[in-house]
Amino acid sequence: MRTMAAVWKPLFFATVVAVLSSGCAGVGLIKWPQQKLVEADAQNPAVEVLTIWQPAEGQFEGRPTRGFAGQILFFTGTSDSPARVNGNVRVYLFDDQGTPEEQSKPIHQFDFEGAAWNTHLRAGVFGPSYHIFIPYAHRNRYRADCALRVRLRPDNGPVVFSELVSVTLPGPTRQPETTSDRPADS
């Protein structure tokens, strides 16, 4: 049996290529069928998380910063449509700075509690999805190879994680250093 990610990933990439090759006018051509919003619950829990990340600019602590724009889709075991979820969501952010031991630990965790998470729910190109901005924790302009992972701890149901997704923030290459760039209290 194929997972939802196995079904959605080829569709997603084909759609992205079609949209990007057709320019901005192509976005309006993709319509999500109007149907009832699927709700994940104890009888029909979320079993899979699909994330789409790209480098972006946004606000953090009142200042412009670079980071990651994300669309997050949750799927239950009984529907091909993305679902609304209720629970706590955590986004883990990793990067390639510091020692291998430091790189194996997240540099920051972003928590979205309960009902506040659903304020990010939007009608997206692929159906209902959560749209968020995650700021990059280091305040520099250097290239960084990062990875993001999402955890859903639902009100009722099992904890579910997304796959770890790699995203590169562009910038000049940093020269090797002998000390770590990591903040002391990450």
N, C-alpha and C. Protein backbone atom coordinates (compact mmCIF):
# COMPACT_ATOMS: atom_id res chain seq x y z
N MET A 1 0.84 -1.18 0.00
CA MET A 1 0.00 0.00 0.00
C MET A 1 0.89 1.25 0.00
N ARG A 2 0.59 2.19 -0.89
CA ARG A 2 1.37 3.42 -0.98
C ARG A 2 0.89 4.41 0.06
N THR A 3 1.85 5.17 0.63
CA THR A 3 1.48 6.21 1.59
C THR A 3 0.99 7.44 0.83
N MET A 4 0.34 8.34 1.57
CA MET A 4 -0.14 9.58 0.95
C MET A 4 1.01 10.38 0.38
N ALA A 5 2.15 10.40 1.07
CA ALA A 5 3.29 11.16 0.57
C ALA A 5 3.74 10.59 -0.77
N ALA A 6 3.70 9.26 -0.92
CA ALA A 6 4.09 8.63 -2.17
C ALA A 6 3.15 9.04 -3.30
N VAL A 7 1.90 9.27 -2.98
CA VAL A 7 0.93 9.71 -3.98
C VAL A 7 1.08 11.20 -4.26
N TRP A 8 1.22 12.02 -3.20
CA TRP A 8 1.23 13.48 -3.34
C TRP A 8 2.53 14.03 -3.90
N LYS A 9 3.66 13.42 -3.57
CA LYS A 9 4.94 13.99 -3.99
C LYS A 9 5.06 14.09 -5.52
N PRO A 10 4.78 13.02 -6.28
CA PRO A 10 4.87 13.18 -7.74
C PRO A 10 3.87 14.22 -8.27
N LEU A 11 2.67 14.22 -7.72
CA LEU A 11 1.66 15.21 -8.12
C LEU A 11 2.14 16.62 -7.80
N PHE A 12 2.70 16.79 -6.62
CA PHE A 12 3.19 18.10 -6.21
C PHE A 12 4.27 18.61 -7.15
N PHE A 13 5.28 17.79 -7.42
CA PHE A 13 6.39 18.23 -8.26
C PHE A 13 5.93 18.51 -9.69
N ALA A 14 5.04 17.70 -10.22
CA ALA A 14 4.51 17.94 -11.57
C ALA A 14 3.74 19.25 -11.60
N THR A 15 2.96 19.52 -10.56
CA THR A 15 2.19 20.76 -10.51
C THR A 15 3.10 21.97 -10.36
N VAL A 16 4.12 21.86 -9.51
CA VAL A 16 5.06 22.97 -9.34
C VAL A 16 5.75 23.30 -10.66
N VAL A 17 6.19 22.28 -11.39
CA VAL A 17 6.83 22.51 -12.68
C VAL A 17 5.86 23.19 -13.63
N ALA A 18 4.61 22.74 -13.67
CA ALA A 18 3.61 23.34 -14.55
C ALA A 18 3.35 24.79 -14.17
N VAL A 19 3.20 25.07 -12.88
CA VAL A 19 2.92 26.44 -12.42
C VAL A 19 4.10 27.35 -12.70
N LEU A 20 5.31 26.90 -12.36
CA LEU A 20 6.48 27.75 -12.54
C LEU A 20 6.78 28.01 -14.01
N SER A 21 6.53 27.02 -14.85
CA SER A 21 6.82 27.21 -16.27
C SER A 21 5.78 28.07 -16.96
N SER A 22 4.61 28.22 -16.34
CA SER A 22 3.56 29.01 -16.98
C SER A 22 3.50 30.43 -16.44
N GLY A 23 4.28 30.77 -15.44
CA GLY A 23 4.27 32.12 -14.87
C GLY A 23 3.12 32.30 -13.90
N CYS A 24 2.92 33.53 -13.45
CA CYS A 24 1.91 33.82 -12.43
C CYS A 24 0.51 33.50 -12.89
N ALA A 25 0.23 33.64 -14.18
CA ALA A 25 -1.12 33.40 -14.68
C ALA A 25 -1.53 31.95 -14.46
N GLY A 26 -0.56 31.03 -14.38
CA GLY A 26 -0.89 29.63 -14.23
C GLY A 26 -1.47 29.29 -12.88
N VAL A 27 -1.19 30.07 -11.85
CA VAL A 27 -1.67 29.75 -10.51
C VAL A 27 -3.19 29.71 -10.47
N GLY A 28 -3.86 30.61 -11.16
CA GLY A 28 -5.31 30.66 -11.14
C GLY A 28 -5.96 29.48 -11.83
N LEU A 29 -5.21 28.74 -12.63
CA LEU A 29 -5.78 27.60 -13.35
C LEU A 29 -5.97 26.39 -12.46
N ILE A 30 -5.27 26.34 -11.34
CA ILE A 30 -5.36 25.19 -10.44
C ILE A 30 -6.43 25.47 -9.41
N LYS A 31 -7.47 24.67 -9.40
CA LYS A 31 -8.57 24.85 -8.46
C LYS A 31 -8.71 23.57 -7.63
N TRP A 32 -8.84 23.74 -6.32
CA TRP A 32 -9.09 22.60 -5.44
C TRP A 32 -10.58 22.36 -5.43
N PRO A 33 -11.01 21.11 -5.54
CA PRO A 33 -12.45 20.85 -5.54
C PRO A 33 -13.09 21.36 -4.25
N GLN A 34 -14.22 22.00 -4.40
CA GLN A 34 -14.95 22.48 -3.23
C GLN A 34 -15.63 21.27 -2.56
N GLN A 35 -15.17 20.93 -1.39
CA GLN A 35 -15.74 19.82 -0.66
C GLN A 35 -15.63 20.09 0.83
N LYS A 36 -16.28 19.25 1.60
CA LYS A 36 -16.27 19.41 3.04
C LYS A 36 -14.85 19.24 3.59
N LEU A 37 -14.49 20.10 4.53
CA LEU A 37 -13.17 20.04 5.15
C LEU A 37 -13.06 18.78 6.00
N VAL A 38 -12.03 17.98 5.76
CA VAL A 38 -11.78 16.78 6.55
C VAL A 38 -11.22 17.21 7.90
N GLU A 39 -11.72 16.63 8.97
CA GLU A 39 -11.27 16.95 10.32
C GLU A 39 -10.65 15.69 10.93
N ALA A 40 -9.38 15.79 11.34
CA ALA A 40 -8.73 14.67 12.03
C ALA A 40 -9.26 14.63 13.47
N ASP A 41 -9.60 13.44 13.94
CA ASP A 41 -10.09 13.27 15.31
C ASP A 41 -9.67 11.90 15.83
N ALA A 42 -10.17 11.50 16.99
CA ALA A 42 -9.77 10.24 17.61
C ALA A 42 -10.13 9.04 16.74
N GLN A 43 -11.27 9.09 16.04
CA GLN A 43 -11.70 7.99 15.18
C GLN A 43 -11.01 8.02 13.82
N ASN A 44 -10.53 9.19 13.41
CA ASN A 44 -9.89 9.37 12.11
C ASN A 44 -8.66 10.26 12.29
N PRO A 45 -7.62 9.74 12.96
CA PRO A 45 -6.47 10.59 13.30
C PRO A 45 -5.57 10.89 12.10
N ALA A 46 -4.82 11.97 12.22
CA ALA A 46 -3.78 12.27 11.23
C ALA A 46 -2.72 11.19 11.32
N VAL A 47 -2.32 10.66 10.17
CA VAL A 47 -1.33 9.59 10.14
C VAL A 47 -0.10 9.97 9.33
N GLU A 48 -0.20 11.11 8.61
CA GLU A 48 0.92 11.52 7.77
C GLU A 48 0.97 13.03 7.66
N VAL A 49 2.20 13.56 7.59
CA VAL A 49 2.43 15.00 7.45
C VAL A 49 3.29 15.20 6.20
N LEU A 50 2.82 16.06 5.30
CA LEU A 50 3.58 16.41 4.12
C LEU A 50 3.93 17.89 4.22
N THR A 51 5.22 18.21 4.08
CA THR A 51 5.66 19.61 4.21
C THR A 51 6.32 20.07 2.92
N ILE A 52 6.11 21.35 2.61
CA ILE A 52 6.72 21.98 1.45
C ILE A 52 7.39 23.25 1.97
N TRP A 53 8.72 23.34 1.85
CA TRP A 53 9.48 24.47 2.38
C TRP A 53 10.26 25.15 1.27
N GLN A 54 10.45 26.46 1.40
CA GLN A 54 11.33 27.20 0.50
C GLN A 54 11.94 28.38 1.24
N PRO A 55 13.13 28.85 0.80
CA PRO A 55 13.72 30.03 1.43
C PRO A 55 12.78 31.22 1.25
N ALA A 56 12.73 32.09 2.26
CA ALA A 56 11.83 33.25 2.20
C ALA A 56 12.34 34.36 3.11
N GLU A 57 11.74 35.52 2.95
CA GLU A 57 11.99 36.66 3.84
C GLU A 57 10.73 36.89 4.66
N GLY A 58 10.89 37.24 5.92
CA GLY A 58 9.74 37.50 6.78
C GLY A 58 10.13 38.38 7.95
N GLN A 59 9.26 38.44 8.94
CA GLN A 59 9.50 39.25 10.14
C GLN A 59 9.75 38.33 11.34
N PHE A 60 10.69 38.73 12.19
CA PHE A 60 10.95 38.04 13.44
C PHE A 60 11.41 39.08 14.44
N GLU A 61 10.73 39.15 15.57
CA GLU A 61 11.03 40.13 16.61
C GLU A 61 11.05 41.55 16.04
N GLY A 62 10.10 41.83 15.14
CA GLY A 62 9.94 43.16 14.58
C GLY A 62 10.95 43.56 13.53
N ARG A 63 11.79 42.64 13.10
CA ARG A 63 12.82 42.96 12.10
C ARG A 63 12.69 42.02 10.91
N PRO A 64 13.03 42.51 9.71
CA PRO A 64 13.05 41.60 8.57
C PRO A 64 14.16 40.57 8.75
N THR A 65 13.88 39.35 8.35
CA THR A 65 14.86 38.29 8.48
C THR A 65 14.64 37.24 7.41
N ARG A 66 15.65 36.47 7.13
CA ARG A 66 15.47 35.36 6.20
C ARG A 66 15.05 34.13 6.97
N GLY A 67 14.43 33.23 6.27
CA GLY A 67 13.95 32.03 6.91
C GLY A 67 13.29 31.12 5.90
N PHE A 68 12.18 30.50 6.31
CA PHE A 68 11.56 29.45 5.51
C PHE A 68 10.05 29.64 5.47
N ALA A 69 9.49 29.66 4.27
CA ALA A 69 8.04 29.66 4.10
C ALA A 69 7.63 28.21 3.95
N GLY A 70 6.60 27.82 4.68
CA GLY A 70 6.17 26.43 4.63
C GLY A 70 4.68 26.27 4.43
N GLN A 71 4.34 25.20 3.72
CA GLN A 71 2.96 24.72 3.65
C GLN A 71 2.99 23.33 4.26
N ILE A 72 2.08 23.10 5.20
CA ILE A 72 2.05 21.83 5.91
C ILE A 72 0.67 21.22 5.72
N LEU A 73 0.65 19.98 5.25
CA LEU A 73 -0.60 19.27 5.00
C LEU A 73 -0.63 18.02 5.86
N PHE A 74 -1.77 17.76 6.48
CA PHE A 74 -1.96 16.58 7.30
C PHE A 74 -2.97 15.66 6.62
N PHE A 75 -2.72 14.36 6.67
CA PHE A 75 -3.62 13.39 6.05
C PHE A 75 -4.05 12.36 7.07
N THR A 76 -5.32 11.97 6.98
CA THR A 76 -5.83 10.88 7.79
C THR A 76 -5.73 9.61 6.97
N GLY A 77 -6.02 8.48 7.58
CA GLY A 77 -5.96 7.21 6.86
C GLY A 77 -7.17 6.94 5.99
N THR A 78 -8.20 7.79 6.08
CA THR A 78 -9.44 7.51 5.36
C THR A 78 -9.78 8.50 4.26
N SER A 79 -8.92 9.49 4.00
CA SER A 79 -9.24 10.51 3.00
C SER A 79 -8.01 10.89 2.19
N ASP A 80 -8.24 11.17 0.90
CA ASP A 80 -7.16 11.65 0.05
C ASP A 80 -6.98 13.16 0.16
N SER A 81 -7.90 13.83 0.86
CA SER A 81 -7.83 15.28 1.02
C SER A 81 -7.08 15.64 2.30
N PRO A 82 -6.35 16.76 2.28
CA PRO A 82 -5.69 17.21 3.50
C PRO A 82 -6.73 17.52 4.58
N ALA A 83 -6.31 17.40 5.84
CA ALA A 83 -7.23 17.53 6.97
C ALA A 83 -6.84 18.68 7.89
N ARG A 84 -7.84 19.18 8.58
CA ARG A 84 -7.62 20.13 9.68
C ARG A 84 -7.29 19.28 10.91
N VAL A 85 -6.35 19.76 11.73
CA VAL A 85 -5.96 19.02 12.92
C VAL A 85 -6.14 19.90 14.15
N ASN A 86 -6.27 19.26 15.30
CA ASN A 86 -6.35 19.95 16.57
C ASN A 86 -5.28 19.37 17.48
N GLY A 87 -4.41 20.24 17.96
CA GLY A 87 -3.34 19.79 18.83
C GLY A 87 -2.19 20.77 18.79
N ASN A 88 -1.06 20.34 19.32
CA ASN A 88 0.13 21.17 19.38
C ASN A 88 1.10 20.75 18.28
N VAL A 89 1.67 21.74 17.61
CA VAL A 89 2.61 21.49 16.52
C VAL A 89 3.95 22.10 16.90
N ARG A 90 5.01 21.36 16.62
CA ARG A 90 6.38 21.85 16.85
C ARG A 90 7.15 21.70 15.54
N VAL A 91 7.88 22.76 15.17
CA VAL A 91 8.76 22.72 14.01
C VAL A 91 10.19 22.75 14.52
N TYR A 92 10.97 21.72 14.15
CA TYR A 92 12.38 21.64 14.51
C TYR A 92 13.21 22.20 13.36
N LEU A 93 14.19 23.05 13.69
CA LEU A 93 15.08 23.63 12.69
C LEU A 93 16.51 23.21 12.98
N PHE A 94 17.17 22.61 11.99
CA PHE A 94 18.56 22.17 12.08
C PHE A 94 19.37 22.95 11.05
N ASP A 95 20.69 23.10 11.28
CA ASP A 95 21.56 23.66 10.23
C ASP A 95 22.92 22.99 10.26
N ASP A 96 23.79 23.42 9.34
CA ASP A 96 25.10 22.80 9.18
C ASP A 96 26.21 23.55 9.90
N GLN A 97 25.86 24.37 10.87
CA GLN A 97 26.85 25.15 11.62
C GLN A 97 27.30 24.35 12.85
N GLY A 98 28.55 24.50 13.23
CA GLY A 98 29.06 23.86 14.43
C GLY A 98 29.60 22.47 14.20
N THR A 99 29.83 21.76 15.29
CA THR A 99 30.39 20.41 15.24
C THR A 99 29.31 19.42 14.79
N PRO A 100 29.71 18.21 14.38
CA PRO A 100 28.70 17.21 14.01
C PRO A 100 27.70 16.94 15.15
N GLU A 101 28.17 16.95 16.39
CA GLU A 101 27.27 16.76 17.53
C GLU A 101 26.25 17.90 17.61
N GLU A 102 26.71 19.12 17.43
CA GLU A 102 25.80 20.28 17.46
C GLU A 102 24.81 20.23 16.30
N GLN A 103 25.27 19.77 15.14
CA GLN A 103 24.40 19.71 13.97
C GLN A 103 23.30 18.66 14.13
N SER A 104 23.50 17.69 14.99
CA SER A 104 22.49 16.64 15.18
C SER A 104 21.34 17.10 16.09
N LYS A 105 21.49 18.26 16.70
CA LYS A 105 20.45 18.81 17.57
C LYS A 105 19.82 20.02 16.91
N PRO A 106 18.51 20.22 17.12
CA PRO A 106 17.88 21.41 16.52
C PRO A 106 18.49 22.69 17.09
N ILE A 107 18.62 23.71 16.22
CA ILE A 107 19.10 25.01 16.70
C ILE A 107 17.95 25.81 17.31
N HIS A 108 16.74 25.43 16.95
CA HIS A 108 15.56 26.09 17.53
C HIS A 108 14.34 25.22 17.31
N GLN A 109 13.37 25.36 18.22
CA GLN A 109 12.08 24.70 18.10
C GLN A 109 11.02 25.78 18.16
N PHE A 110 10.09 25.73 17.23
CA PHE A 110 9.00 26.70 17.19
C PHE A 110 7.72 25.97 17.54
N ASP A 111 7.06 26.41 18.62
CA ASP A 111 5.86 25.75 19.11
C ASP A 111 4.61 26.55 18.78
N PHE A 112 3.60 25.84 18.30
CA PHE A 112 2.28 26.40 18.00
C PHE A 112 1.29 25.61 18.85
N GLU A 113 0.68 26.28 19.81
CA GLU A 113 -0.18 25.61 20.78
C GLU A 113 -1.64 25.58 20.34
N GLY A 114 -2.27 24.42 20.50
CA GLY A 114 -3.70 24.23 20.36
C GLY A 114 -4.39 25.00 19.27
N ALA A 115 -5.42 25.76 19.66
CA ALA A 115 -6.26 26.48 18.70
C ALA A 115 -5.48 27.53 17.92
N ALA A 116 -4.40 28.04 18.47
CA ALA A 116 -3.59 29.04 17.75
C ALA A 116 -3.04 28.46 16.45
N TRP A 117 -2.79 27.16 16.41
CA TRP A 117 -2.28 26.52 15.20
C TRP A 117 -3.26 26.69 14.04
N ASN A 118 -4.55 26.57 14.31
CA ASN A 118 -5.54 26.63 13.23
C ASN A 118 -5.71 28.03 12.65
N THR A 119 -5.10 29.05 13.25
CA THR A 119 -5.14 30.38 12.63
C THR A 119 -4.27 30.40 11.36
N HIS A 120 -3.43 29.41 11.18
CA HIS A 120 -2.55 29.33 10.01
C HIS A 120 -3.18 28.52 8.86
N LEU A 121 -4.37 27.98 9.06
CA LEU A 121 -5.04 27.17 8.04
C LEU A 121 -5.55 28.07 6.91
N ARG A 122 -5.20 27.71 5.68
CA ARG A 122 -5.61 28.48 4.49
C ARG A 122 -6.05 27.51 3.39
N ALA A 123 -6.78 28.04 2.45
CA ALA A 123 -7.09 27.28 1.24
C ALA A 123 -5.88 27.43 0.33
N GLY A 124 -5.16 26.36 0.12
CA GLY A 124 -3.96 26.40 -0.71
C GLY A 124 -4.18 25.75 -2.06
N VAL A 125 -3.16 25.75 -2.87
CA VAL A 125 -3.23 25.16 -4.20
C VAL A 125 -3.58 23.67 -4.11
N PHE A 126 -3.11 22.99 -3.09
CA PHE A 126 -3.32 21.56 -2.96
C PHE A 126 -4.43 21.20 -1.97
N GLY A 127 -5.19 22.19 -1.57
CA GLY A 127 -6.26 21.98 -0.60
C GLY A 127 -5.95 22.72 0.68
N PRO A 128 -6.70 22.42 1.74
CA PRO A 128 -6.45 23.11 3.01
C PRO A 128 -5.05 22.76 3.53
N SER A 129 -4.29 23.81 3.82
CA SER A 129 -2.94 23.60 4.34
C SER A 129 -2.61 24.73 5.30
N TYR A 130 -1.62 24.46 6.13
CA TYR A 130 -1.17 25.44 7.12
C TYR A 130 0.02 26.18 6.53
N HIS A 131 -0.04 27.51 6.51
CA HIS A 131 1.00 28.35 5.94
C HIS A 131 1.71 29.09 7.06
N ILE A 132 3.05 28.88 7.17
CA ILE A 132 3.81 29.50 8.25
C ILE A 132 5.14 30.02 7.74
N PHE A 133 5.73 30.92 8.52
CA PHE A 133 7.10 31.40 8.29
C PHE A 133 7.93 31.01 9.51
N ILE A 134 9.06 30.38 9.27
CA ILE A 134 9.99 30.01 10.33
C ILE A 134 11.28 30.81 10.11
N PRO A 135 11.65 31.69 11.06
CA PRO A 135 12.87 32.48 10.88
C PRO A 135 14.11 31.62 11.11
N TYR A 136 15.17 31.96 10.39
CA TYR A 136 16.46 31.31 10.61
C TYR A 136 17.06 31.88 11.88
N ALA A 137 17.51 31.02 12.77
CA ALA A 137 17.93 31.43 14.11
C ALA A 137 19.24 32.23 14.13
N HIS A 138 20.10 32.05 13.14
CA HIS A 138 21.37 32.79 13.11
C HIS A 138 21.19 34.08 12.34
N ARG A 139 21.69 35.16 12.88
CA ARG A 139 21.58 36.47 12.22
C ARG A 139 22.86 36.72 11.41
N ASN A 140 22.97 36.01 10.30
CA ASN A 140 24.09 36.24 9.39
C ASN A 140 23.58 36.12 7.96
N ARG A 141 24.44 36.39 7.01
CA ARG A 141 24.03 36.36 5.61
C ARG A 141 24.67 35.21 4.85
N TYR A 142 25.33 34.28 5.56
CA TYR A 142 26.05 33.19 4.92
C TYR A 142 25.10 32.08 4.45
N ARG A 143 25.59 31.34 3.46
CA ARG A 143 24.87 30.17 2.98
C ARG A 143 24.72 29.18 4.14
N ALA A 144 23.55 28.58 4.24
CA ALA A 144 23.32 27.59 5.29
C ALA A 144 22.48 26.45 4.73
N ASP A 145 22.95 25.24 4.93
CA ASP A 145 22.17 24.06 4.58
C ASP A 145 21.38 23.66 5.82
N CYS A 146 20.08 23.75 5.71
CA CYS A 146 19.20 23.55 6.86
C CYS A 146 18.27 22.37 6.62
N ALA A 147 17.60 21.96 7.67
CA ALA A 147 16.59 20.92 7.58
C ALA A 147 15.48 21.25 8.57
N LEU A 148 14.24 20.92 8.19
CA LEU A 148 13.08 21.18 9.04
C LEU A 148 12.26 19.90 9.17
N ARG A 149 11.68 19.74 10.34
CA ARG A 149 10.80 18.59 10.62
C ARG A 149 9.65 19.08 11.47
N VAL A 150 8.46 18.56 11.20
CA VAL A 150 7.25 18.95 11.93
C VAL A 150 6.76 17.78 12.77
N ARG A 151 6.33 18.10 14.00
CA ARG A 151 5.72 17.11 14.88
C ARG A 151 4.32 17.59 15.25
N LEU A 152 3.33 16.72 15.11
CA LEU A 152 1.97 16.99 15.56
C LEU A 152 1.70 16.13 16.78
N ARG A 153 1.33 16.77 17.88
CA ARG A 153 0.86 16.07 19.08
C ARG A 153 -0.62 16.42 19.20
N PRO A 154 -1.50 15.56 18.60
CA PRO A 154 -2.92 15.89 18.55
C PRO A 154 -3.60 15.80 19.91
N ASP A 155 -4.75 16.47 20.02
CA ASP A 155 -5.55 16.38 21.25
C ASP A 155 -5.97 14.94 21.49
N ASN A 156 -6.33 14.23 20.42
CA ASN A 156 -6.74 12.82 20.49
C ASN A 156 -6.10 12.08 19.34
N GLY A 157 -5.22 11.17 19.63
CA GLY A 157 -4.59 10.39 18.57
C GLY A 157 -3.09 10.30 18.77
N PRO A 158 -2.44 9.54 17.89
CA PRO A 158 -0.99 9.33 18.01
C PRO A 158 -0.19 10.53 17.53
N VAL A 159 1.01 10.68 18.08
CA VAL A 159 1.95 11.71 17.63
C VAL A 159 2.43 11.30 16.24
N VAL A 160 2.57 12.28 15.35
CA VAL A 160 3.02 12.00 13.99
C VAL A 160 4.07 13.04 13.59
N PHE A 161 5.10 12.59 12.86
CA PHE A 161 6.20 13.44 12.40
C PHE A 161 6.23 13.49 10.89
N SER A 162 6.70 14.62 10.36
CA SER A 162 6.98 14.71 8.92
C SER A 162 8.35 14.12 8.65
N GLU A 163 8.66 13.98 7.37
CA GLU A 163 10.02 13.64 6.99
C GLU A 163 10.89 14.87 7.23
N LEU A 164 12.19 14.67 7.38
CA LEU A 164 13.15 15.76 7.49
C LEU A 164 13.37 16.30 6.09
N VAL A 165 13.15 17.61 5.89
CA VAL A 165 13.25 18.23 4.57
C VAL A 165 14.42 19.21 4.56
N SER A 166 15.31 19.08 3.57
CA SER A 166 16.48 19.95 3.44
C SER A 166 16.14 21.19 2.62
N VAL A 167 16.62 22.34 3.08
CA VAL A 167 16.44 23.62 2.37
C VAL A 167 17.74 24.40 2.53
N THR A 168 18.23 24.97 1.42
CA THR A 168 19.44 25.78 1.47
C THR A 168 19.07 27.25 1.43
N LEU A 169 19.60 28.00 2.40
CA LEU A 169 19.48 29.45 2.37
C LEU A 169 20.67 29.98 1.60
N PRO A 170 20.44 30.75 0.53
CA PRO A 170 21.57 31.23 -0.27
C PRO A 170 22.37 32.29 0.46
N GLY A 171 23.60 32.46 0.02
CA GLY A 171 24.49 33.47 0.59
C GLY A 171 25.93 33.10 0.29
N PRO A 172 26.87 33.99 0.65
CA PRO A 172 28.28 33.67 0.42
C PRO A 172 28.70 32.51 1.31
N THR A 173 29.68 31.75 0.82
CA THR A 173 30.18 30.61 1.58
C THR A 173 31.04 31.11 2.74
N ARG A 174 30.78 30.56 3.90
CA ARG A 174 31.53 30.92 5.11
C ARG A 174 32.89 30.25 5.07
N GLN A 175 33.90 30.97 5.52
CA GLN A 175 35.24 30.42 5.64
C GLN A 175 35.29 29.53 6.88
N PRO A 176 36.02 28.40 6.83
CA PRO A 176 36.11 27.52 8.01
C PRO A 176 36.63 28.28 9.22
N GLU A 177 36.01 27.99 10.38
CA GLU A 177 36.42 28.64 11.62
C GLU A 177 36.75 27.57 12.65
N THR A 178 37.44 27.96 13.68
CA THR A 178 37.83 27.01 14.70
C THR A 178 36.85 26.95 15.85
N THR A 179 35.94 27.94 15.93
CA THR A 179 34.97 27.96 17.01
C THR A 179 33.57 27.83 16.45
N SER A 180 32.65 27.46 17.29
CA SER A 180 31.26 27.27 16.88
C SER A 180 30.55 28.60 16.73
N ASP A 181 29.61 28.66 15.77
CA ASP A 181 28.77 29.83 15.57
C ASP A 181 27.47 29.74 16.35
N ARG A 182 27.24 28.66 17.02
CA ARG A 182 25.97 28.42 17.66
C ARG A 182 25.75 29.35 18.84
N PRO A 183 24.51 29.83 18.99
CA PRO A 183 24.18 30.60 20.18
C PRO A 183 24.33 29.73 21.41
N ALA A 184 24.71 30.30 22.52
CA ALA A 184 24.96 29.55 23.75
C ALA A 184 23.70 28.88 24.28
N ASP A 185 22.53 29.49 24.13
CA ASP A 185 21.31 28.93 24.73
C ASP A 185 20.28 28.60 23.66
N SER A 186 20.60 27.70 22.72
CA SER A 186 19.66 27.30 21.68
C SER A 186 18.69 26.30 22.23
